[in-house]
PDB file of N, CA and C in Angstrom:
ATOM      1  N   MET A   1       0.830  -1.189   0.000  1.00  0.00           N
ATOM      2  CA  MET A   1       0.000   0.000   0.000  1.00  0.00           C
ATOM      3  C   MET A   1       0.875   1.254   0.000  1.00  0.00           C
ATOM      4  N   GLY A   2       0.547   2.185  -0.837  1.00  0.00           N
ATOM      5  CA  GLY A   2       1.291   3.434  -0.896  1.00  0.00           C
ATOM      6  C   GLY A   2       0.853   4.387   0.200  1.00  0.00           C
ATOM      7  N   SER A   3       1.628   5.415   0.410  1.00  0.00           N
ATOM      8  CA  SER A   3       1.304   6.375   1.464  1.00  0.00           C
ATOM      9  C   SER A   3       0.083   7.207   1.104  1.00  0.00           C
ATOM     10  N   LYS A   4      -0.284   7.249  -0.196  1.00  0.00           N
ATOM     11  CA  LYS A   4      -1.446   8.032  -0.621  1.00  0.00           C
ATOM     12  C   LYS A   4      -2.745   7.349  -0.180  1.00  0.00           C
ATOM     13  N   THR A   5      -2.767   6.020  -0.150  1.00  0.00           N
ATOM     14  CA  THR A   5      -3.987   5.319   0.215  1.00  0.00           C
ATOM     15  C   THR A   5      -4.165   5.228   1.725  1.00  0.00           C
ATOM     16  N   GLU A   6      -3.065   5.332   2.476  1.00  0.00           N
ATOM     17  CA  GLU A   6      -3.169   5.271   3.931  1.00  0.00           C
ATOM     18  C   GLU A   6      -3.676   6.598   4.459  1.00  0.00           C
ATOM     19  N   LYS A   7      -4.567   6.516   5.438  1.00  0.00           N
ATOM     20  CA  LYS A   7      -5.086   7.736   6.030  1.00  0.00           C
ATOM     21  C   LYS A   7      -4.149   8.198   7.130  1.00  0.00           C
ATOM     22  N   GLU A   8      -3.851   9.481   7.117  1.00  0.00           N
ATOM     23  CA  GLU A   8      -3.009  10.064   8.162  1.00  0.00           C
ATOM     24  C   GLU A   8      -3.911  10.415   9.334  1.00  0.00           C
ATOM     25  N   LYS A   9      -3.468  10.096  10.547  1.00  0.00           N
ATOM     26  CA  LYS A   9      -4.318  10.415  11.689  1.00  0.00           C
ATOM     27  C   LYS A   9      -4.302  11.923  11.937  1.00  0.00           C
ATOM     28  N   PRO A  10      -5.337  12.459  12.587  1.00  0.00           N
ATOM     29  CA  PRO A  10      -5.427  13.900  12.803  1.00  0.00           C
ATOM     30  C   PRO A  10      -4.186  14.444  13.514  1.00  0.00           C
ATOM     31  N   LEU A  11      -3.787  15.646  13.145  1.00  0.00           N
ATOM     32  CA  LEU A  11      -2.583  16.248  13.723  1.00  0.00           C
ATOM     33  C   LEU A  11      -2.687  16.379  15.233  1.00  0.00           C
ATOM     34  N   GLU A  12      -3.860  16.722  15.730  1.00  0.00           N
ATOM     35  CA  GLU A  12      -4.046  16.911  17.169  1.00  0.00           C
ATOM     36  C   GLU A  12      -3.830  15.620  17.954  1.00  0.00           C
ATOM     37  N   LYS A  13      -4.086  14.481  17.304  1.00  0.00           N
ATOM     38  CA  LYS A  13      -3.939  13.189  17.979  1.00  0.00           C
ATOM     39  C   LYS A  13      -2.532  12.617  17.835  1.00  0.00           C
ATOM     40  N   SER A  14      -1.714  13.224  16.989  1.00  0.00           N
ATOM     41  CA  SER A  14      -0.346  12.750  16.779  1.00  0.00           C
ATOM     42  C   SER A  14       0.548  13.189  17.922  1.00  0.00           C
ATOM     43  N   THR A  15       1.614  12.431  18.137  1.00  0.00           N
ATOM     44  CA  THR A  15       2.582  12.807  19.165  1.00  0.00           C
ATOM     45  C   THR A  15       3.519  13.865  18.595  1.00  0.00           C
ATOM     46  N   ALA A  16       4.258  14.516  19.468  1.00  0.00           N
ATOM     47  CA  ALA A  16       5.198  15.550  19.033  1.00  0.00           C
ATOM     48  C   ALA A  16       6.265  14.946  18.127  1.00  0.00           C
ATOM     49  N   LYS A  17       6.679  13.720  18.431  1.00  0.00           N
ATOM     50  CA  LYS A  17       7.690  13.046  17.611  1.00  0.00           C
ATOM     51  C   LYS A  17       7.167  12.813  16.192  1.00  0.00           C
ATOM     52  N   GLU A  18       5.926  12.352  16.084  1.00  0.00           N
ATOM     53  CA  GLU A  18       5.321  12.128  14.769  1.00  0.00           C
ATOM     54  C   GLU A  18       5.166  13.445  14.008  1.00  0.00           C
ATOM     55  N   LEU A  19       4.788  14.499  14.732  1.00  0.00           N
ATOM     56  CA  LEU A  19       4.623  15.807  14.096  1.00  0.00           C
ATOM     57  C   LEU A  19       5.956  16.338  13.577  1.00  0.00           C
ATOM     58  N   ARG A  20       7.039  16.092  14.328  1.00  0.00           N
ATOM     59  CA  ARG A  20       8.364  16.527  13.877  1.00  0.00           C
ATOM     60  C   ARG A  20       8.752  15.814  12.579  1.00  0.00           C
ATOM     61  N   GLU A  21       8.435  14.515  12.492  1.00  0.00           N
ATOM     62  CA  GLU A  21       8.747  13.758  11.277  1.00  0.00           C
ATOM     63  C   GLU A  21       7.992  14.323  10.072  1.00  0.00           C
ATOM     64  N   ILE A  22       6.725  14.687  10.290  1.00  0.00           N
ATOM     65  CA  ILE A  22       5.920  15.278   9.221  1.00  0.00           C
ATOM     66  C   ILE A  22       6.503  16.631   8.830  1.00  0.00           C
ATOM     67  N   ALA A  23       6.855  17.435   9.836  1.00  0.00           N
ATOM     68  CA  ALA A  23       7.354  18.781   9.578  1.00  0.00           C
ATOM     69  C   ALA A  23       8.714  18.762   8.878  1.00  0.00           C
ATOM     70  N   LEU A  24       9.536  17.760   9.199  1.00  0.00           N
ATOM     71  CA  LEU A  24      10.845  17.665   8.545  1.00  0.00           C
ATOM     72  C   LEU A  24      10.713  17.409   7.046  1.00  0.00           C
ATOM     73  N   LYS A  25       9.639  16.742   6.634  1.00  0.00           N
ATOM     74  CA  LYS A  25       9.404  16.462   5.218  1.00  0.00           C
ATOM     75  C   LYS A  25       8.980  17.726   4.468  1.00  0.00           C
ATOM     76  N   LEU A  26       8.398  18.682   5.196  1.00  0.00           N
ATOM     77  CA  LEU A  26       7.955  19.931   4.574  1.00  0.00           C
ATOM     78  C   LEU A  26       9.108  20.923   4.577  1.00  0.00           C
ATOM     79  N   GLN A  27       9.420  21.472   3.441  1.00  0.00           N
ATOM     80  CA  GLN A  27      10.589  22.327   3.311  1.00  0.00           C
ATOM     81  C   GLN A  27      10.356  23.743   3.836  1.00  0.00           C
ATOM     82  N   GLU A  28       9.092  24.164   3.948  1.00  0.00           N
ATOM     83  CA  GLU A  28       8.785  25.525   4.379  1.00  0.00           C
ATOM     84  C   GLU A  28       9.054  25.746   5.867  1.00  0.00           C
ATOM     85  N   ILE A  29       9.111  24.669   6.634  1.00  0.00           N
ATOM     86  CA  ILE A  29       9.235  24.779   8.089  1.00  0.00           C
ATOM     87  C   ILE A  29      10.688  24.606   8.494  1.00  0.00           C
ATOM     88  N   SER A  30      11.169  25.543   9.316  1.00  0.00           N
ATOM     89  CA  SER A  30      12.528  25.423   9.851  1.00  0.00           C
ATOM     90  C   SER A  30      12.475  25.518  11.369  1.00  0.00           C
ATOM     91  N   GLY A  31      13.467  24.966  12.037  1.00  0.00           N
ATOM     92  CA  GLY A  31      13.501  24.976  13.497  1.00  0.00           C
ATOM     93  C   GLY A  31      12.532  24.001  14.124  1.00  0.00           C
ATOM     94  N   VAL A  32      12.352  22.873  13.484  1.00  0.00           N
ATOM     95  CA  VAL A  32      11.365  21.874  13.905  1.00  0.00           C
ATOM     96  C   VAL A  32      11.651  21.344  15.308  1.00  0.00           C
ATOM     97  N   HIS A  33      12.905  21.079  15.597  1.00  0.00           N
ATOM     98  CA  HIS A  33      13.246  20.454  16.877  1.00  0.00           C
ATOM     99  C   HIS A  33      13.077  21.400  18.061  1.00  0.00           C
ATOM    100  N   GLY A  34      13.009  22.689  17.823  1.00  0.00           N
ATOM    101  CA  GLY A  34      12.823  23.649  18.906  1.00  0.00           C
ATOM    102  C   GLY A  34      11.367  23.957  19.194  1.00  0.00           C
ATOM    103  N   MET A  35      10.459  23.382  18.421  1.00  0.00           N
ATOM    104  CA  MET A  35       9.034  23.678  18.567  1.00  0.00           C
ATOM    105  C   MET A  35       8.353  22.679  19.497  1.00  0.00           C
ATOM    106  N   ASN A  36       7.307  23.159  20.188  1.00  0.00           N
ATOM    107  CA  ASN A  36       6.482  22.242  20.968  1.00  0.00           C
ATOM    108  C   ASN A  36       5.322  21.758  20.094  1.00  0.00           C
ATOM    109  N   LYS A  37       4.481  20.900  20.640  1.00  0.00           N
ATOM    110  CA  LYS A  37       3.426  20.255  19.857  1.00  0.00           C
ATOM    111  C   LYS A  37       2.473  21.274  19.234  1.00  0.00           C
ATOM    112  N   VAL A  38       2.071  22.267  20.000  1.00  0.00           N
ATOM    113  CA  VAL A  38       1.125  23.262  19.501  1.00  0.00           C
ATOM    114  C   VAL A  38       1.727  24.047  18.337  1.00  0.00           C
ATOM    115  N   GLU A  39       2.989  24.436  18.489  1.00  0.00           N
ATOM    116  CA  GLU A  39       3.664  25.181  17.424  1.00  0.00           C
ATOM    117  C   GLU A  39       3.823  24.325  16.164  1.00  0.00           C
ATOM    118  N   LEU A  40       4.128  23.041  16.356  1.00  0.00           N
ATOM    119  CA  LEU A  40       4.274  22.133  15.212  1.00  0.00           C
ATOM    120  C   LEU A  40       2.963  21.999  14.443  1.00  0.00           C
ATOM    121  N   ILE A  41       1.873  21.829  15.172  1.00  0.00           N
ATOM    122  CA  ILE A  41       0.568  21.672  14.527  1.00  0.00           C
ATOM    123  C   ILE A  41       0.225  22.909  13.707  1.00  0.00           C
ATOM    124  N   SER A  42       0.425  24.093  14.295  1.00  0.00           N
ATOM    125  CA  SER A  42       0.072  25.312  13.562  1.00  0.00           C
ATOM    126  C   SER A  42       0.978  25.521  12.354  1.00  0.00           C
ATOM    127  N   ALA A  43       2.280  25.164  12.471  1.00  0.00           N
ATOM    128  CA  ALA A  43       3.198  25.320  11.336  1.00  0.00           C
ATOM    129  C   ALA A  43       2.837  24.361  10.209  1.00  0.00           C
ATOM    130  N   ILE A  44       2.483  23.128  10.545  1.00  0.00           N
ATOM    131  CA  ILE A  44       2.108  22.143   9.524  1.00  0.00           C
ATOM    132  C   ILE A  44       0.820  22.579   8.828  1.00  0.00           C
ATOM    133  N   LYS A  45      -0.160  23.028   9.610  1.00  0.00           N
ATOM    134  CA  LYS A  45      -1.417  23.480   9.023  1.00  0.00           C
ATOM    135  C   LYS A  45      -1.182  24.681   8.107  1.00  0.00           C
ATOM    136  N   LYS A  46      -0.324  25.590   8.543  1.00  0.00           N
ATOM    137  CA  LYS A  46      -0.040  26.786   7.742  1.00  0.00           C
ATOM    138  C   LYS A  46       0.619  26.406   6.411  1.00  0.00           C
ATOM    139  N   SER A  47       1.581  25.471   6.456  1.00  0.00           N
ATOM    140  CA  SER A  47       2.265  25.074   5.223  1.00  0.00           C
ATOM    141  C   SER A  47       1.346  24.297   4.284  1.00  0.00           C
ATOM    142  N   ARG A  48       0.368  23.607   4.836  1.00  0.00           N
ATOM    143  CA  ARG A  48      -0.580  22.860   4.010  1.00  0.00           C
ATOM    144  C   ARG A  48      -1.752  23.733   3.556  1.00  0.00           C
ATOM    145  N   GLY A  49      -1.844  24.953   4.090  1.00  0.00           N
ATOM    146  CA  GLY A  49      -2.927  25.858   3.708  1.00  0.00           C
ATOM    147  C   GLY A  49      -4.233  25.579   4.424  1.00  0.00           C
ATOM    148  N   ILE A  50      -4.152  24.966   5.605  1.00  0.00           N
ATOM    149  CA  ILE A  50      -5.347  24.657   6.385  1.00  0.00           C
ATOM    150  C   ILE A  50      -5.586  25.792   7.374  1.00  0.00           C
ATOM    151  N   GLU A  51      -6.846  26.209   7.503  1.00  0.00           N
ATOM    152  CA  GLU A  51      -7.191  27.241   8.476  1.00  0.00           C
ATOM    153  C   GLU A  51      -6.931  26.717   9.880  1.00  0.00           C
ATOM    154  N   ASP A  52      -6.261  27.512  10.682  1.00  0.00           N
ATOM    155  CA  ASP A  52      -5.951  27.114  12.060  1.00  0.00           C
ATOM    156  C   ASP A  52      -6.899  27.835  12.999  1.00  0.00           C
ATOM    157  N   ASN A  53      -7.807  27.074  13.617  1.00  0.00           N
ATOM    158  CA  ASN A  53      -8.786  27.648  14.532  1.00  0.00           C
ATOM    159  C   ASN A  53      -8.336  27.557  15.979  1.00  0.00           C
ATOM    160  N   PHE A  54      -7.033  27.374  16.181  1.00  0.00           N
ATOM    161  CA  PHE A  54      -6.503  27.227  17.537  1.00  0.00           C
ATOM    162  C   PHE A  54      -6.531  28.561  18.261  1.00  0.00           C
ATOM    163  N   ASP A  55      -6.904  28.522  19.522  1.00  0.00           N
ATOM    164  CA  ASP A  55      -6.966  29.724  20.352  1.00  0.00           C
ATOM    165  C   ASP A  55      -5.608  29.923  21.006  1.00  0.00           C
ATOM    166  N   LYS A  56      -4.790  30.797  20.434  1.00  0.00           N
ATOM    167  CA  LYS A  56      -3.455  31.030  20.977  1.00  0.00           C
ATOM    168  C   LYS A  56      -3.514  31.661  22.358  1.00  0.00           C
ATOM    169  N   LYS A  57      -4.595  32.333  22.647  1.00  0.00           N
ATOM    170  CA  LYS A  57      -4.768  32.962  23.951  1.00  0.00           C
ATOM    171  C   LYS A  57      -4.720  31.904  25.051  1.00  0.00           C
ATOM    172  N   ASN A  58      -5.309  30.756  24.809  1.00  0.00           N
ATOM    173  CA  ASN A  58      -5.351  29.676  25.777  1.00  0.00           C
ATOM    174  C   ASN A  58      -3.946  29.177  26.114  1.00  0.00           C
ATOM    175  N   ASP A  59      -3.110  28.954  25.113  1.00  0.00           N
ATOM    176  CA  ASP A  59      -1.743  28.482  25.329  1.00  0.00           C
ATOM    177  C   ASP A  59      -0.943  29.527  26.101  1.00  0.00           C
ATOM    178  N   ASN A  60      -1.155  30.787  25.779  1.00  0.00           N
ATOM    179  CA  ASN A  60      -0.444  31.871  26.435  1.00  0.00           C
ATOM    180  C   ASN A  60      -0.831  31.946  27.915  1.00  0.00           C
ATOM    181  N   THR A  61      -2.108  31.751  28.224  1.00  0.00           N
ATOM    182  CA  THR A  61      -2.540  31.819  29.616  1.00  0.00           C
ATOM    183  C   THR A  61      -1.967  30.660  30.422  1.00  0.00           C
ATOM    184  N   VAL A  62      -1.819  29.496  29.802  1.00  0.00           N
ATOM    185  CA  VAL A  62      -1.236  28.347  30.498  1.00  0.00           C
ATOM    186  C   VAL A  62       0.207  28.657  30.873  1.00  0.00           C
ATOM    187  N   ARG A  63       0.945  29.232  29.938  1.00  0.00           N
ATOM    188  CA  ARG A  63       2.340  29.575  30.211  1.00  0.00           C
ATOM    189  C   ARG A  63       2.446  30.622  31.322  1.00  0.00           C
ATOM    190  N   LYS A  64       1.576  31.614  31.277  1.00  0.00           N
ATOM    191  CA  LYS A  64       1.578  32.652  32.318  1.00  0.00           C
ATOM    192  C   LYS A  64       1.231  32.040  33.679  1.00  0.00           C
ATOM    193  N   THR A  65       0.271  31.138  33.676  1.00  0.00           N
ATOM    194  CA  THR A  65      -0.144  30.493  34.918  1.00  0.00           C
ATOM    195  C   THR A  65       0.989  29.666  35.498  1.00  0.00           C
ATOM    196  N   LYS A  66       1.702  28.940  34.655  1.00  0.00           N
ATOM    197  CA  LYS A  66       2.822  28.136  35.147  1.00  0.00           C
ATOM    198  C   LYS A  66       3.934  29.011  35.685  1.00  0.00           C
ATOM    199  N   LYS A  67       4.139  30.164  35.068  1.00  0.00           N
ATOM    200  CA  LYS A  67       5.136  31.109  35.568  1.00  0.00           C
ATOM    201  C   LYS A  67       4.725  31.620  36.948  1.00  0.00           C
ATOM    202  N   LYS A  68       3.438  31.899  37.111  1.00  0.00           N
ATOM    203  CA  LYS A  68       2.905  32.365  38.396  1.00  0.00           C
ATOM    204  C   LYS A  68       3.076  31.270  39.462  1.00  0.00           C
ATOM    205  N   ILE A  69       2.872  30.010  39.078  1.00  0.00           N
ATOM    206  CA  ILE A  69       3.046  28.895  40.013  1.00  0.00           C
ATOM    207  C   ILE A  69       4.487  28.841  40.505  1.00  0.00           C
ATOM    208  N   LYS A  70       5.451  29.016  39.595  1.00  0.00           N
ATOM    209  CA  LYS A  70       6.865  28.998  39.988  1.00  0.00           C
ATOM    210  C   LYS A  70       7.165  30.102  40.991  1.00  0.00           C
ATOM    211  N   GLU A  71       6.607  31.298  40.746  1.00  0.00           N
ATOM    212  CA  GLU A  71       6.817  32.418  41.674  1.00  0.00           C
ATOM    213  C   GLU A  71       6.234  32.097  43.050  1.00  0.00           C
ATOM    214  N   LEU A  72       5.026  31.526  43.044  1.00  0.00           N
ATOM    215  CA  LEU A  72       4.381  31.185  44.310  1.00  0.00           C
ATOM    216  C   LEU A  72       5.132  30.084  45.054  1.00  0.00           C
ATOM    217  N   LYS A  73       5.730  29.161  44.325  1.00  0.00           N
ATOM    218  CA  LYS A  73       6.512  28.104  44.967  1.00  0.00           C
ATOM    219  C   LYS A  73       7.708  28.686  45.703  1.00  0.00           C
ATOM    220  N   LEU A  74       8.342  29.693  45.099  1.00  0.00           N
ATOM    221  CA  LEU A  74       9.472  30.354  45.771  1.00  0.00           C
ATOM    222  C   LEU A  74       9.007  31.074  47.036  1.00  0.00           C
ATOM    223  N   LYS A  75       7.868  31.756  46.941  1.00  0.00           N
ATOM    224  CA  LYS A  75       7.322  32.456  48.108  1.00  0.00           C
ATOM    225  C   LYS A  75       6.947  31.454  49.198  1.00  0.00           C
ATOM    226  N   HIS A  76       6.371  30.317  48.783  1.00  0.00           N
ATOM    227  CA  HIS A  76       5.986  29.283  49.738  1.00  0.00           C
ATOM    228  C   HIS A  76       7.215  28.730  50.456  1.00  0.00           C
ATOM    229  N   LYS A  77       8.267  28.490  49.697  1.00  0.00           N
ATOM    230  CA  LYS A  77       9.503  27.950  50.273  1.00  0.00           C
ATOM    231  C   LYS A  77      10.086  28.917  51.297  1.00  0.00           C
ATOM    232  N   SER A  78      10.103  30.213  50.967  1.00  0.00           N
ATOM    233  CA  SER A  78      10.636  31.188  51.924  1.00  0.00           C
ATOM    234  C   SER A  78       9.745  31.307  53.151  1.00  0.00           C
ATOM    235  N   ALA A  79       8.420  31.163  52.988  1.00  0.00           N
ATOM    236  CA  ALA A  79       7.505  31.208  54.127  1.00  0.00           C
ATOM    237  C   ALA A  79       7.726  30.007  55.041  1.00  0.00           C
ATOM    238  N   VAL A  80       8.007  28.848  54.474  1.00  0.00           N
ATOM    239  CA  VAL A  80       8.276  27.651  55.279  1.00  0.00           C
ATOM    240  C   VAL A  80       9.578  27.815  56.048  1.00  0.00           C
ATOM    241  N   GLU A  81      10.587  28.389  55.388  1.00  0.00           N
ATOM    242  CA  GLU A  81      11.882  28.579  56.043  1.00  0.00           C
ATOM    243  C   GLU A  81      11.812  29.560  57.206  1.00  0.00           C
ATOM    244  N   THR A  82      10.917  30.536  57.108  1.00  0.00           N
ATOM    245  CA  THR A  82      10.768  31.524  58.192  1.00  0.00           C
ATOM    246  C   THR A  82       9.689  31.123  59.198  1.00  0.00           C
ATOM    247  N   ASP A  83       9.193  29.906  59.091  1.00  0.00           N
ATOM    248  CA  ASP A  83       8.156  29.371  59.993  1.00  0.00           C
ATOM    249  C   ASP A  83       6.878  30.200  59.984  1.00  0.00           C
ATOM    250  N   ASN A  84       6.536  30.791  58.863  1.00  0.00           N
ATOM    251  CA  ASN A  84       5.290  31.545  58.712  1.00  0.00           C
ATOM    252  C   ASN A  84       4.241  30.585  58.155  1.00  0.00           C
ATOM    253  N   THR A  85       3.585  29.843  59.034  1.00  0.00           N
ATOM    254  CA  THR A  85       2.657  28.794  58.605  1.00  0.00           C
ATOM    255  C   THR A  85       1.424  29.353  57.916  1.00  0.00           C
ATOM    256  N   LYS A  86       0.968  30.517  58.364  1.00  0.00           N
ATOM    257  CA  LYS A  86      -0.236  31.105  57.761  1.00  0.00           C
ATOM    258  C   LYS A  86      -0.003  31.413  56.281  1.00  0.00           C
ATOM    259  N   MET A  87       1.079  32.127  55.982  1.00  0.00           N
ATOM    260  CA  MET A  87       1.373  32.472  54.594  1.00  0.00           C
ATOM    261  C   MET A  87       1.745  31.220  53.788  1.00  0.00           C
ATOM    262  N   SER A  88       2.378  30.272  54.435  1.00  0.00           N
ATOM    263  CA  SER A  88       2.747  29.023  53.782  1.00  0.00           C
ATOM    264  C   SER A  88       1.502  28.309  53.256  1.00  0.00           C
ATOM    265  N   THR A  89       0.476  28.197  54.079  1.00  0.00           N
ATOM    266  CA  THR A  89      -0.759  27.529  53.657  1.00  0.00           C
ATOM    267  C   THR A  89      -1.492  28.343  52.586  1.00  0.00           C
ATOM    268  N   ILE A  90      -1.443  29.661  52.697  1.00  0.00           N
ATOM    269  CA  ILE A  90      -2.085  30.504  51.685  1.00  0.00           C
ATOM    270  C   ILE A  90      -1.433  30.288  50.326  1.00  0.00           C
ATOM    271  N   TYR A  91      -0.096  30.288  50.291  1.00  0.00           N
ATOM    272  CA  TYR A  91       0.616  30.079  49.031  1.00  0.00           C
ATOM    273  C   TYR A  91       0.337  28.688  48.467  1.00  0.00           C
ATOM    274  N   LYS A  92       0.301  27.692  49.342  1.00  0.00           N
ATOM    275  CA  LYS A  92       0.053  26.319  48.904  1.00  0.00           C
ATOM    276  C   LYS A  92      -1.331  26.205  48.255  1.00  0.00           C
ATOM    277  N   LYS A  93      -2.337  26.844  48.859  1.00  0.00           N
ATOM    278  CA  LYS A  93      -3.689  26.801  48.293  1.00  0.00           C
ATOM    279  C   LYS A  93      -3.747  27.508  46.944  1.00  0.00           C
ATOM    280  N   ARG A  94      -3.031  28.625  46.826  1.00  0.00           N
ATOM    281  CA  ARG A  94      -2.996  29.343  45.553  1.00  0.00           C
ATOM    282  C   ARG A  94      -2.347  28.491  44.466  1.00  0.00           C
ATOM    283  N   ILE A  95      -1.260  27.813  44.839  1.00  0.00           N
ATOM    284  CA  ILE A  95      -0.565  26.946  43.888  1.00  0.00           C
ATOM    285  C   ILE A  95      -1.501  25.839  43.397  1.00  0.00           C
ATOM    286  N   LEU A  96      -2.202  25.199  44.322  1.00  0.00           N
ATOM    287  CA  LEU A  96      -3.118  24.111  43.958  1.00  0.00           C
ATOM    288  C   LEU A  96      -4.237  24.621  43.050  1.00  0.00           C
ATOM    289  N   ARG A  97      -4.756  25.805  43.339  1.00  0.00           N
ATOM    290  CA  ARG A  97      -5.821  26.385  42.532  1.00  0.00           C
ATOM    291  C   ARG A  97      -5.329  26.655  41.101  1.00  0.00           C
ATOM    292  N   LEU A  98      -4.116  27.182  40.989  1.00  0.00           N
ATOM    293  CA  LEU A  98      -3.559  27.468  39.665  1.00  0.00           C
ATOM    294  C   LEU A  98      -3.256  26.187  38.882  1.00  0.00           C
ATOM    295  N   LYS A  99      -2.811  25.144  39.588  1.00  0.00           N
ATOM    296  CA  LYS A  99      -2.548  23.869  38.915  1.00  0.00           C
ATOM    297  C   LYS A  99      -3.833  23.302  38.324  1.00  0.00           C
ATOM    298  N   LYS A 100      -4.932  23.414  39.070  1.00  0.00           N
ATOM    299  CA  LYS A 100      -6.223  22.952  38.562  1.00  0.00           C
ATOM    300  C   LYS A 100      -6.602  23.737  37.312  1.00  0.00           C
ATOM    301  N   LYS A 101      -6.314  25.028  37.334  1.00  0.00           N
ATOM    302  CA  LYS A 101      -6.636  25.895  36.193  1.00  0.00           C
ATOM    303  C   LYS A 101      -5.874  25.461  34.937  1.00  0.00           C
ATOM    304  N   THR A 102      -4.590  25.115  35.099  1.00  0.00           N
ATOM    305  CA  THR A 102      -3.811  24.683  33.933  1.00  0.00           C
ATOM    306  C   THR A 102      -4.302  23.349  33.402  1.00  0.00           C
ATOM    307  N   ARG A 103      -4.715  22.464  34.292  1.00  0.00           N
ATOM    308  CA  ARG A 103      -5.234  21.161  33.830  1.00  0.00           C
ATOM    309  C   ARG A 103      -6.514  21.340  33.029  1.00  0.00           C
ATOM    310  N   ARG A 104      -7.376  22.257  33.486  1.00  0.00           N
ATOM    311  CA  ARG A 104      -8.630  22.497  32.768  1.00  0.00           C
ATOM    312  C   ARG A 104      -8.367  23.126  31.405  1.00  0.00           C
ATOM    313  N   ALA A 105      -7.372  24.005  31.341  1.00  0.00           N
ATOM    314  CA  ALA A 105      -7.070  24.698  30.085  1.00  0.00           C
ATOM    315  C   ALA A 105      -6.448  23.764  29.055  1.00  0.00           C
ATOM    316  N   ALA A 106      -5.726  22.762  29.512  1.00  0.00           N
ATOM    317  CA  ALA A 106      -5.042  21.829  28.591  1.00  0.00           C
ATOM    318  C   ALA A 106      -5.985  20.792  28.097  1.00  0.00           C
TER     319      ALA A 106
END
């Protein structure tokens, strides 16, 4: 069977490794190995001329949220070191709330 008769699975369901293999075959895309899955999907769709209905705002908010989690983890660690249990628990709850938010967004 040739590759033309085989159906390619949807890009969203492909792994990042599979997407990199597809992108390497396309000459318009450069920097394939530095891209994450979302970037690979949008680059492949763009080179194939497919409309990309992906909400980039969502990916951006996830990254911002994870950055906020890292900041809160540092604050939590310093609160634990200074034996400030009240602030320690507050930071921990904020971290857990933000983690739930990232899971829902993904």
